[in-house]
N, C-alpha and C. Protein backbone atom coordinates (compact mmCIF):
# COMPACT_ATOMS: atom_id res chain seq x y z
N ILE A 1 -8.58 4.70 5.06
CA ILE A 1 -7.93 4.81 4.10
C ILE A 1 -6.20 5.25 4.41
N TYR A 2 -5.20 4.64 4.01
CA TYR A 2 -4.09 4.67 3.89
C TYR A 2 -2.97 4.93 2.83
N VAL A 3 -2.01 4.99 2.96
CA VAL A 3 -1.26 6.05 2.05
C VAL A 3 0.13 5.42 2.20
N VAL A 4 0.76 4.83 2.12
CA VAL A 4 2.77 4.06 2.38
C VAL A 4 3.08 5.19 1.08
N TYR A 5 3.99 6.27 1.39
CA TYR A 5 5.11 6.89 0.67
C TYR A 5 6.62 6.65 1.14
N GLU A 6 7.33 6.71 0.12
CA GLU A 6 8.70 5.63 -0.46
C GLU A 6 9.07 7.39 -1.06
N LYS A 7 10.53 8.35 0.34
CA LYS A 7 10.82 9.40 -0.22
C LYS A 7 9.58 10.14 -0.70
N ARG A 8 8.79 10.50 0.12
CA ARG A 8 7.47 11.37 -0.28
C ARG A 8 6.80 11.61 -1.62
N LYS A 9 7.22 10.18 -1.87
CA LYS A 9 5.98 9.69 -3.39
C LYS A 9 5.67 8.38 -3.00
N PRO A 10 3.74 9.01 -3.14
CA PRO A 10 3.29 7.67 -2.99
C PRO A 10 3.51 6.74 -3.65
N LEU A 11 3.34 5.51 -2.88
CA LEU A 11 3.48 3.96 -3.06
C LEU A 11 2.36 3.36 -3.29
N TYR A 12 1.76 3.45 -2.40
CA TYR A 12 0.29 3.06 -2.33
C TYR A 12 -0.81 3.37 -2.00
N VAL A 13 -1.94 2.87 -2.32
CA VAL A 13 -3.30 3.27 -1.21
C VAL A 13 -3.86 2.44 -1.44
N GLY A 14 -4.37 2.47 -0.33
CA GLY A 14 -5.09 1.19 0.09
C GLY A 14 -6.63 1.14 1.45
N TYR A 15 -7.34 0.45 1.77
CA TYR A 15 -8.20 0.73 2.23
C TYR A 15 -8.45 -0.34 3.37
N SER A 16 -8.92 -0.15 4.40
CA SER A 16 -8.69 -1.58 4.93
C SER A 16 -10.53 -1.04 6.59
N GLU A 17 -10.88 -1.92 6.64
CA GLU A 17 -11.30 -1.67 7.81
C GLU A 17 -11.01 -1.86 9.26
N ASN A 18 -9.59 -2.58 9.16
CA ASN A 18 -9.21 -3.19 10.34
C ASN A 18 -7.80 -2.69 9.52
N ILE A 19 -6.97 -1.57 10.28
CA ILE A 19 -5.79 -0.75 9.94
C ILE A 19 -4.59 -1.65 10.42
N SER A 20 -4.91 -2.12 11.69
CA SER A 20 -3.93 -3.17 12.61
C SER A 20 -3.38 -4.53 11.68
N LYS A 21 -4.53 -5.06 11.10
CA LYS A 21 -4.23 -6.40 10.86
C LYS A 21 -3.61 -6.15 10.02
N ARG A 22 -4.44 -5.25 8.84
CA ARG A 22 -4.37 -5.10 7.47
C ARG A 22 -2.25 -4.93 7.60
N PHE A 23 -1.90 -4.00 8.17
CA PHE A 23 -0.40 -3.45 8.28
C PHE A 23 0.30 -5.02 8.89
N SER A 24 -0.29 -5.50 9.37
CA SER A 24 0.21 -6.97 10.44
C SER A 24 0.73 -7.63 8.95
N VAL A 25 -0.61 -7.87 7.92
CA VAL A 25 -0.09 -8.42 7.04
C VAL A 25 1.06 -8.11 5.54
N HIS A 26 0.78 -6.43 5.82
CA HIS A 26 1.63 -5.81 5.26
C HIS A 26 3.37 -5.96 5.68
N LEU A 27 3.55 -6.02 6.52
CA LEU A 27 4.45 -6.03 7.34
C LEU A 27 5.44 -7.41 7.86
N SER A 28 4.45 -8.89 6.93
CA SER A 28 4.65 -9.91 7.76
C SER A 28 6.02 -10.10 7.20
N LYS A 29 6.49 -10.78 8.08
CA LYS A 29 8.11 -11.39 7.77
C LYS A 29 8.28 -13.06 7.03
N SER A 30 6.70 -13.12 6.84
CA SER A 30 6.44 -14.79 6.17
C SER A 30 6.38 -14.34 4.65
N LYS A 31 6.58 -15.02 3.75
CA LYS A 31 6.00 -15.16 2.48
C LYS A 31 5.13 -15.49 2.12
N LYS A 32 4.09 -16.76 3.11
CA LYS A 32 2.93 -17.19 2.74
C LYS A 32 2.15 -16.36 2.46
N VAL A 33 2.46 -15.25 2.91
CA VAL A 33 1.12 -13.93 3.26
C VAL A 33 1.23 -13.27 2.16
N LEU A 34 0.67 -14.03 1.17
CA LEU A 34 0.58 -13.89 -0.13
C LEU A 34 -1.13 -12.55 -0.45
N ARG A 35 -1.64 -12.22 0.22
CA ARG A 35 -2.72 -11.77 0.12
C ARG A 35 -2.41 -10.24 0.09
N SER A 36 -1.47 -9.56 0.07
CA SER A 36 -1.05 -8.35 0.06
C SER A 36 -0.48 -7.71 -1.05
N THR A 37 -1.34 -6.82 -1.73
CA THR A 37 -0.81 -6.70 -3.09
C THR A 37 0.42 -5.80 -2.77
N LEU A 38 0.58 -4.76 -1.98
CA LEU A 38 1.73 -4.22 -1.48
C LEU A 38 3.11 -5.13 -1.90
N ARG A 39 2.98 -6.05 -1.12
CA ARG A 39 4.29 -7.45 -0.87
C ARG A 39 4.35 -7.97 -2.08
N LYS A 40 3.58 -8.12 -3.07
CA LYS A 40 3.44 -8.87 -4.22
C LYS A 40 4.22 -7.75 -4.88
N GLU A 41 3.95 -6.83 -5.06
CA GLU A 41 4.72 -5.94 -6.16
C GLU A 41 5.91 -5.14 -5.54
N LEU A 42 6.09 -5.37 -4.47
CA LEU A 42 7.56 -4.48 -3.56
C LEU A 42 8.67 -5.67 -4.15
N VAL A 43 8.08 -7.23 -4.32
CA VAL A 43 8.97 -7.91 -4.61
C VAL A 43 9.25 -7.71 -6.49
N LYS A 44 8.25 -7.98 -6.85
CA LYS A 44 8.27 -7.82 -8.52
C LYS A 44 8.76 -6.79 -8.97
N ASN A 45 8.69 -5.49 -8.64
CA ASN A 45 9.40 -4.08 -8.33
C ASN A 45 10.36 -3.86 -8.27
N LYS A 46 11.49 -5.11 -7.81
CA LYS A 46 13.03 -5.68 -7.26
C LYS A 46 13.03 -4.41 -6.89
N LYS A 47 11.68 -3.92 -5.70
CA LYS A 47 12.44 -2.67 -4.50
C LYS A 47 12.98 -3.67 -3.31
N VAL A 48 12.48 -4.98 -3.36
CA VAL A 48 12.74 -5.81 -2.39
C VAL A 48 13.14 -7.32 -3.02
N LYS A 49 13.92 -7.80 -2.48
CA LYS A 49 14.64 -9.13 -3.39
C LYS A 49 13.59 -10.68 -2.68
N ARG A 50 13.47 -10.21 -1.17
CA ARG A 50 12.63 -11.27 -1.02
C ARG A 50 11.62 -10.72 0.30
N TYR A 51 10.90 -11.95 0.28
CA TYR A 51 9.71 -11.87 1.09
C TYR A 51 10.42 -11.14 2.35
N ARG A 52 11.20 -12.00 3.00
CA ARG A 52 11.51 -11.85 4.40
C ARG A 52 11.98 -10.59 4.54
N GLN A 53 12.56 -9.60 3.27
CA GLN A 53 12.90 -8.64 3.20
C GLN A 53 11.63 -7.16 4.28
N ILE A 54 10.57 -7.31 3.45
CA ILE A 54 9.82 -6.41 3.09
C ILE A 54 9.64 -5.41 4.26
N ARG A 55 9.54 -6.25 5.34
CA ARG A 55 9.34 -5.59 6.52
C ARG A 55 10.17 -4.61 7.04
N LYS A 56 11.76 -4.99 7.46
CA LYS A 56 12.89 -4.60 7.26
C LYS A 56 13.15 -3.18 6.05
N TRP A 57 12.78 -3.36 5.11
CA TRP A 57 12.67 -1.94 4.28
C TRP A 57 11.58 -0.89 3.70
N MET A 58 10.61 -1.74 4.46
CA MET A 58 9.22 -0.73 4.87
C MET A 58 9.35 0.28 5.42
N LEU A 59 10.08 -0.44 6.87
CA LEU A 59 10.32 0.34 7.93
C LEU A 59 11.39 1.39 7.68
N LYS A 60 12.21 0.62 6.72
CA LYS A 60 13.58 1.96 6.44
C LYS A 60 13.18 3.07 6.01
N ASN A 61 12.19 2.75 4.73
CA ASN A 61 12.40 3.49 3.78
C ASN A 61 10.91 4.36 3.31
N CYS A 62 9.48 3.70 3.98
CA CYS A 62 8.27 4.74 3.97
C CYS A 62 8.30 5.00 5.64
N ARG A 63 6.83 5.85 4.99
CA ARG A 63 6.33 6.78 6.33
C ARG A 63 4.48 5.89 5.51
N PHE A 64 3.74 6.13 6.88
CA PHE A 64 2.55 5.78 6.59
C PHE A 64 1.52 7.31 7.02
N LYS A 65 0.71 7.27 6.51
CA LYS A 65 -0.71 8.01 6.50
C LYS A 65 -1.63 7.33 6.58
N PHE A 66 -2.80 7.78 7.71
CA PHE A 66 -4.14 7.47 7.73
C PHE A 66 -4.74 8.01 8.05
N LYS A 67 -6.14 7.99 7.46
CA LYS A 67 -7.23 9.04 7.27
C LYS A 67 -8.49 7.79 7.53
N LYS A 68 -9.18 8.28 9.10
CA LYS A 68 -10.10 7.55 9.06
C LYS A 68 -11.27 8.23 8.72
N ILE A 69 -11.98 7.14 7.80
CA ILE A 69 -13.20 7.26 7.34
C ILE A 69 -14.43 6.52 7.54
N ASP A 70 -15.60 7.09 8.25
CA ASP A 70 -16.45 6.36 9.27
C ASP A 70 -17.23 5.59 7.71
N ASP A 71 -17.53 6.16 6.50
CA ASP A 71 -18.80 5.40 5.23
C ASP A 71 -17.80 4.86 4.49
N THR A 72 -18.14 3.74 4.36
CA THR A 72 -17.33 2.53 3.76
C THR A 72 -17.35 3.33 2.05
N ASP A 73 -18.22 3.49 1.74
CA ASP A 73 -19.03 3.55 0.15
C ASP A 73 -17.67 5.09 0.39
N GLU A 74 -17.94 6.08 0.77
CA GLU A 74 -17.22 7.58 0.28
C GLU A 74 -15.83 7.21 0.83
N ALA A 75 -14.96 6.13 1.83
CA ALA A 75 -14.00 6.02 1.87
C ALA A 75 -13.13 5.07 0.68
N LEU A 76 -13.64 4.20 0.21
CA LEU A 76 -13.84 3.77 -1.14
C LEU A 76 -13.62 4.29 -2.37
N LEU A 77 -14.22 5.30 -2.59
CA LEU A 77 -14.78 6.54 -3.91
C LEU A 77 -13.25 7.10 -3.47
N ILE A 78 -12.60 8.02 -2.26
CA ILE A 78 -11.70 9.12 -1.93
C ILE A 78 -10.31 7.58 -2.68
N GLU A 79 -10.36 6.48 -1.86
CA GLU A 79 -9.49 5.70 -2.54
C GLU A 79 -9.17 5.87 -4.08
N LYS A 80 -10.67 5.44 -4.69
CA LYS A 80 -10.04 5.49 -6.52
C LYS A 80 -9.37 6.86 -6.50
N PHE A 81 -10.46 7.88 -6.28
CA PHE A 81 -10.35 9.41 -6.55
C PHE A 81 -8.80 9.46 -6.45
N MET A 82 -7.82 8.90 -5.57
CA MET A 82 -6.16 9.02 -4.91
C MET A 82 -5.49 8.55 -5.83
N ILE A 83 -5.94 7.55 -6.18
CA ILE A 83 -4.93 6.27 -7.04
C ILE A 83 -4.76 7.16 -8.56
N LYS A 84 -6.38 7.64 -9.05
CA LYS A 84 -6.39 8.02 -10.54
C LYS A 84 -6.05 9.22 -10.35
N LEU A 85 -5.76 10.11 -9.40
CA LEU A 85 -5.10 11.57 -9.58
C LEU A 85 -3.21 11.23 -9.36
N TRP A 86 -3.26 10.58 -8.78
CA TRP A 86 -1.75 10.30 -8.55
C TRP A 86 -1.37 9.55 -10.24
N ARG A 87 -2.02 8.79 -10.81
CA ARG A 87 -1.66 8.43 -11.80
C ARG A 87 -1.53 9.23 -13.17
N LYS A 88 -2.70 10.00 -12.73
CA LYS A 88 -2.96 10.96 -13.79
C LYS A 88 -1.47 12.36 -13.99
N LYS A 89 -1.01 12.28 -12.54
CA LYS A 89 0.41 12.99 -12.22
C LYS A 89 1.54 12.17 -12.79
N GLY A 90 1.39 11.36 -13.38
CA GLY A 90 2.52 10.62 -13.36
C GLY A 90 3.47 9.75 -12.62
N LYS A 91 2.94 9.96 -11.31
CA LYS A 91 3.73 8.88 -9.89
C LYS A 91 3.70 7.95 -10.43
N LYS A 92 5.16 7.69 -10.43
CA LYS A 92 5.59 6.22 -10.42
C LYS A 92 5.35 5.34 -9.18
N GLY A 93 5.44 3.96 -9.52
CA GLY A 93 4.98 3.86 -7.82
C GLY A 93 4.50 2.29 -8.01
N ILE A 94 4.17 1.40 -7.06
CA ILE A 94 3.22 0.17 -7.05
C ILE A 94 1.83 0.85 -7.70
N LEU A 95 1.54 1.84 -6.61
CA LEU A 95 -0.26 2.50 -6.29
C LEU A 95 -0.84 1.75 -6.67
N LEU A 96 -0.52 0.50 -6.82
CA LEU A 96 -1.51 1.17 -6.75
C LEU A 96 -2.63 -0.42 -7.39
N ASN A 97 -3.01 -1.39 -6.43
CA ASN A 97 -3.70 -2.19 -6.89
C ASN A 97 -4.66 -2.28 -7.98
N PRO A 98 -3.70 -2.60 -9.38
CA PRO A 98 -5.04 -2.48 -9.80
C PRO A 98 -6.17 -3.27 -10.41
N ASN A 99 -6.42 -4.02 -8.95
CA ASN A 99 -7.37 -5.14 -9.49
C ASN A 99 -8.42 -4.44 -8.83
N LYS A 100 -8.22 -3.68 -8.10
CA LYS A 100 -9.28 -2.55 -7.01
C LYS A 100 -9.92 -2.36 -7.60
N ARG A 101 -11.55 -2.53 -6.75
CA ARG A 101 -12.93 -2.37 -7.05
C ARG A 101 -12.94 -1.22 -8.13
């Protein structure tokens, strides 16, 4: 599980079995990489004007935390819980892939 924070506020929660591959997608300079909900939402919510600016913006404005959880079902439950918790607390942000499991 990973969390992307912008100025101490959670911006995005995600799960990936291969975190380095996932972040290479999130931080790609290519606009062709549309598998990343985080990238799409950064442009949609006007935090970034163009896809090629995402990497620079994220490295400047965000910090990342990771937690390795070996059990996939447990990891997905924790991810869902974190999303619901932050939504209840009224945290604004992309948080979170509305299409998630």
